[in-house]
Amino acid sequence: MQRKDLKILLLQIRDDQKVRDEEHQSFARYSNLNPEQIHVHNVFDKPNFQPDIVDGFDALYVGGASEANVLLPNKYIFVEDCLELIRYAADRNVPTFASCFGFQLAILAFGGTILSRETDYEMGSIPITLTNLANVDKVYKGIKSGFSALSIHRQYAVELPSKLDLLAYTANCLHSFKVRDKDMWAFQFHPEVDRATVFKRLEIYKEKYTENEQHFQSVLDSLVETPESHQLMANFVDRVLLR
């Protein structure tokens, strides 16, 4: 398999058109792929789908979702089909890279619990601590503990279901795992998002995530670049898809 031949399905959970386009471009950029190699299924356009939509693709990406909540499947009717897709990909060992909403979906898909908080949630650049397993993991190997990543989320997990191996965490919650014996990785933070992108997203979602203009500005001031985080996407493509 050559890089130019890779074909990836992006399960996108975005309603805002600007964010849709930006997320697609970001996944392509940090995967070192052309955007045309990443095919998008947006659940706001097609909320009902079969899990075999991933058949014929070399990998599955799952993005974030500022407009949705995994804990409200009655409101966001696509959640159940998303869970089925995660399980289907794991059963067939479709290589999977899931961030933020995708991380939460995967926790639920394997029988875990997602919690929620309305205040004091992680937002901005945060330090990520790695477990010993990360030192020998294909995606994390070579990344040093304590790197910065970008994260904005109200929903979170503090425990992993069985057969999920913890790779990264913060003082507040779990941040990354691999499904044991499967090529499936999940990240509560956003490896595909850079500092400039967070600036743009916060301008769109600032009323949802920040209390006032001062809070908004303090989050912007705290943002840093996160090259180690982006390297995880490149490692996934190079070490898992192109191995």
Protein backbone atom coordinates (compact mmCIF):
# COMPACT_ATOMS: atom_id res chain seq x y z
CA MET A 1 0.00 0.00 0.00
CA GLN A 2 1.33 3.43 -0.96
CA ARG A 3 0.30 6.70 0.68
CA LYS A 4 -1.39 7.98 -2.46
CA ASP A 5 -3.61 4.88 -2.56
CA LEU A 6 -5.04 5.22 0.95
CA LYS A 7 -8.76 5.81 1.19
CA ILE A 8 -10.22 6.81 4.56
CA LEU A 9 -13.76 7.33 5.80
CA LEU A 10 -14.30 10.33 8.11
CA LEU A 11 -17.37 10.02 10.30
CA GLN A 12 -18.15 13.71 10.78
CA ILE A 13 -20.44 15.08 13.49
CA ARG A 14 -20.45 18.76 12.52
CA ASP A 15 -23.34 21.03 11.59
CA ASP A 16 -21.53 24.33 10.92
CA GLN A 17 -20.25 24.39 7.32
CA LYS A 18 -17.03 26.26 8.12
CA VAL A 19 -16.12 23.73 10.79
CA ARG A 20 -17.04 20.85 8.46
CA ASP A 21 -14.57 22.10 5.86
CA GLU A 22 -11.88 22.95 8.39
CA GLU A 23 -12.09 19.54 10.11
CA HIS A 24 -11.81 17.71 6.79
CA GLN A 25 -8.75 19.76 5.87
CA SER A 26 -7.19 19.30 9.32
CA PHE A 27 -7.47 15.52 9.25
CA ALA A 28 -5.88 15.51 5.81
CA ARG A 29 -3.10 17.94 6.78
CA TYR A 30 -1.85 16.05 9.82
CA SER A 31 -2.25 12.68 8.10
CA ASN A 32 -0.09 13.97 5.23
CA LEU A 33 -2.83 13.00 2.80
CA ASN A 34 -4.78 14.81 0.12
CA PRO A 35 -8.29 15.82 1.22
CA GLU A 36 -9.67 13.81 -1.69
CA GLN A 37 -8.41 10.65 0.00
CA ILE A 38 -10.70 11.28 2.99
CA HIS A 39 -14.37 10.64 2.22
CA VAL A 40 -16.87 12.28 4.57
CA HIS A 41 -20.07 10.85 5.99
CA ASN A 42 -21.72 13.66 7.96
CA VAL A 43 -24.36 12.42 10.37
CA PHE A 44 -26.26 15.70 10.35
CA ASP A 45 -26.92 15.07 6.65
CA LYS A 46 -27.42 11.30 6.92
CA PRO A 47 -28.27 10.39 10.52
CA ASN A 48 -29.30 6.82 9.74
CA PHE A 49 -26.72 4.51 8.19
CA GLN A 50 -25.45 0.95 8.27
CA PRO A 51 -22.07 0.13 9.83
CA ASP A 52 -20.85 -1.41 6.58
CA ILE A 53 -20.37 2.09 5.16
CA VAL A 54 -16.75 1.61 6.24
CA ASP A 55 -16.32 -1.43 3.96
CA GLY A 56 -13.81 -0.76 1.21
CA PHE A 57 -11.92 1.89 3.19
CA ASP A 58 -8.43 1.46 4.63
CA ALA A 59 -9.28 3.25 7.88
CA LEU A 60 -11.94 5.07 9.84
CA TYR A 61 -11.56 8.55 11.34
CA VAL A 62 -14.11 9.90 13.81
CA GLY A 63 -14.11 13.60 14.61
CA GLY A 64 -15.45 15.92 17.28
CA ALA A 65 -18.92 17.33 17.79
CA SER A 66 -19.51 20.74 19.31
CA GLU A 67 -23.15 20.49 18.23
CA ALA A 68 -23.95 17.10 19.77
CA ASN A 69 -23.85 15.13 23.02
CA VAL A 70 -23.33 11.35 23.18
CA LEU A 71 -25.53 11.23 26.28
CA LEU A 72 -28.59 12.49 24.37
CA PRO A 73 -29.33 9.76 21.78
CA ASN A 74 -33.02 10.67 21.66
CA LYS A 75 -32.12 14.17 20.50
CA TYR A 76 -29.15 13.17 18.35
CA ILE A 77 -30.61 10.13 16.66
CA PHE A 78 -27.38 9.26 14.89
CA VAL A 79 -25.62 8.25 18.14
CA GLU A 80 -26.84 4.63 18.05
CA ASP A 81 -25.68 4.11 14.47
CA CYS A 82 -22.33 5.70 15.36
CA LEU A 83 -21.93 3.19 18.21
CA GLU A 84 -22.70 0.33 15.85
CA LEU A 85 -20.10 1.60 13.41
CA ILE A 86 -17.44 1.67 16.15
CA ARG A 87 -18.27 -1.92 17.16
CA TYR A 88 -18.32 -3.06 13.53
CA ALA A 89 -14.92 -1.49 12.86
CA ALA A 90 -13.46 -3.15 15.95
CA ASP A 91 -14.91 -6.57 15.07
CA ARG A 92 -13.35 -6.39 11.61
CA ASN A 93 -10.19 -4.66 12.83
CA VAL A 94 -10.64 -1.66 10.57
CA PRO A 95 -7.84 0.72 11.66
CA THR A 96 -9.56 3.54 13.54
CA PHE A 97 -8.45 6.95 14.83
CA ALA A 98 -11.17 8.63 16.91
CA SER A 99 -10.93 12.03 18.59
CA CYS A 100 -13.13 13.80 21.17
CA PHE A 101 -16.73 12.75 20.33
CA GLY A 102 -15.22 9.63 18.78
CA PHE A 103 -13.44 8.83 22.06
CA GLN A 104 -16.73 9.15 23.94
CA LEU A 105 -18.53 6.99 21.40
CA ALA A 106 -15.91 4.29 21.76
CA ILE A 107 -16.17 4.29 25.56
CA LEU A 108 -19.93 3.76 25.27
CA ALA A 109 -19.60 1.25 22.43
CA PHE A 110 -17.50 -1.04 24.63
CA GLY A 111 -19.77 -0.79 27.66
CA GLY A 112 -18.21 2.12 29.53
CA THR A 113 -19.64 5.23 31.15
CA ILE A 114 -19.47 8.86 30.02
CA LEU A 115 -19.99 11.60 32.60
CA SER A 116 -20.76 15.27 32.05
CA ARG A 117 -20.05 18.58 33.72
CA GLU A 118 -21.30 22.07 32.95
CA THR A 119 -18.52 24.00 34.72
CA ASP A 120 -14.75 23.67 35.21
CA TYR A 121 -14.33 21.41 32.20
CA GLU A 122 -11.08 21.16 30.25
CA MET A 123 -10.66 23.81 27.60
CA GLY A 124 -7.59 25.03 25.75
CA SER A 125 -4.05 23.69 25.84
CA ILE A 126 -3.61 20.95 28.43
CA PRO A 127 -0.63 18.76 29.50
CA ILE A 128 -1.04 15.07 28.69
CA THR A 129 0.50 12.38 30.90
CA LEU A 130 1.36 9.06 29.28
CA THR A 131 1.20 5.59 30.80
CA ASN A 132 4.01 3.04 30.53
CA LEU A 133 2.07 1.26 27.78
CA ALA A 134 2.44 4.35 25.59
CA ASN A 135 6.21 3.78 25.49
CA VAL A 136 5.72 0.65 23.40
CA ASP A 137 2.56 1.63 21.54
CA LYS A 138 2.85 1.96 17.75
CA VAL A 139 1.19 5.37 17.66
CA TYR A 140 2.72 6.88 20.81
CA LYS A 141 6.24 5.46 20.73
CA GLY A 142 8.73 8.35 20.68
CA ILE A 143 6.29 10.89 22.17
CA LYS A 144 7.36 12.16 25.59
CA SER A 145 4.94 12.42 28.49
CA GLY A 146 3.81 15.94 29.37
CA PHE A 147 3.22 17.17 25.82
CA SER A 148 0.55 19.78 25.16
CA ALA A 149 -2.70 18.99 23.38
CA LEU A 150 -5.82 20.96 22.53
CA SER A 151 -9.06 19.92 24.14
CA ILE A 152 -12.56 21.31 24.71
CA HIS A 153 -15.12 18.92 26.16
CA ARG A 154 -17.91 18.74 28.71
CA GLN A 155 -18.36 14.98 28.51
CA TYR A 156 -15.55 12.80 29.86
CA ALA A 157 -14.56 9.38 31.21
CA VAL A 158 -12.78 8.34 34.41
CA GLU A 159 -12.87 4.55 33.94
CA LEU A 160 -12.19 2.25 31.00
CA PRO A 161 -14.18 -0.83 30.04
CA SER A 162 -12.28 -4.10 29.91
CA LYS A 163 -10.06 -4.79 26.89
CA LEU A 164 -9.26 -1.08 26.51
CA ASP A 165 -5.68 -0.15 27.41
CA LEU A 166 -5.08 3.31 28.86
CA LEU A 167 -2.38 5.33 27.10
CA ALA A 168 -2.89 8.91 28.30
CA TYR A 169 -4.70 10.96 30.93
CA THR A 170 -4.83 14.28 32.80
CA ALA A 171 -5.63 15.08 36.41
CA ASN A 172 -9.30 15.44 35.40
CA CYS A 173 -10.05 12.48 33.16
CA LEU A 174 -8.86 9.78 30.77
CA HIS A 175 -7.57 10.95 27.41
CA SER A 176 -6.50 8.07 25.22
CA PHE A 177 -6.73 4.32 24.86
CA LYS A 178 -6.17 1.48 22.42
CA VAL A 179 -8.54 -1.43 22.01
CA ARG A 180 -6.52 -4.49 22.98
CA ASP A 181 -5.47 -6.62 19.99
CA LYS A 182 -7.17 -4.20 17.58
CA ASP A 183 -5.87 -1.30 15.48
CA MET A 184 -8.25 1.15 17.16
CA TRP A 185 -7.06 4.26 19.02
CA ALA A 186 -9.15 6.98 20.65
CA PHE A 187 -8.24 10.42 22.00
CA GLN A 188 -10.32 12.78 24.14
CA PHE A 189 -8.03 15.60 22.99
CA HIS A 190 -7.79 16.72 19.37
CA PRO A 191 -4.61 15.51 17.58
CA GLU A 192 -6.02 16.94 14.34
CA VAL A 193 -6.52 20.48 15.67
CA ASP A 194 -3.90 23.23 15.86
CA ARG A 195 -3.77 26.54 17.70
CA ALA A 196 -5.09 28.62 14.80
CA THR A 197 -8.02 26.24 14.34
CA VAL A 198 -9.02 26.52 18.00
CA PHE A 199 -9.01 30.30 17.63
CA LYS A 200 -11.49 29.99 14.76
CA ARG A 201 -13.67 27.40 16.48
CA LEU A 202 -13.89 29.34 19.71
CA GLU A 203 -15.10 32.37 17.79
CA ILE A 204 -17.96 30.21 16.50
CA TYR A 205 -18.73 28.42 19.76
CA LYS A 206 -17.63 30.96 22.38
CA GLU A 207 -21.15 31.53 23.74
CA LYS A 208 -21.49 27.80 24.31
CA TYR A 209 -18.10 27.23 25.95
CA THR A 210 -17.05 30.51 27.59
CA GLU A 211 -18.80 32.52 30.28
CA ASN A 212 -17.96 36.02 29.09
CA GLU A 213 -15.51 38.01 26.96
CA GLN A 214 -12.85 37.92 29.68
CA HIS A 215 -13.09 34.14 29.98
CA PHE A 216 -12.97 33.82 26.20
CA GLN A 217 -9.83 35.95 26.00
CA SER A 218 -8.11 34.05 28.83
CA VAL A 219 -8.61 30.78 26.95
CA LEU A 220 -7.21 32.28 23.75
CA ASP A 221 -4.18 33.60 25.65
CA SER A 222 -3.45 30.15 27.06
CA LEU A 223 -3.27 28.36 23.70
CA VAL A 224 0.06 26.95 22.51
CA GLU A 225 1.18 24.97 19.48
CA THR A 226 0.93 21.18 19.84
CA PRO A 227 3.32 19.46 17.41
CA GLU A 228 3.65 16.25 19.46
CA SER A 229 -0.10 15.84 19.39
CA HIS A 230 -0.18 16.21 15.60
CA GLN A 231 2.59 13.62 15.28
CA LEU A 232 0.17 10.99 16.55
CA MET A 233 -1.84 11.27 13.34
CA ALA A 234 1.25 10.91 11.19
CA ASN A 235 2.36 7.92 13.26
CA PHE A 236 -1.02 6.25 12.79
CA VAL A 237 -0.79 6.56 9.02
CA ASP A 238 2.90 5.64 8.77
CA ARG A 239 3.07 2.87 11.36
CA VAL A 240 -0.40 1.33 11.16
CA LEU A 241 -1.76 1.95 7.65
CA LEU A 242 1.52 1.92 5.73
CA ARG A 243 3.45 -0.58 7.84
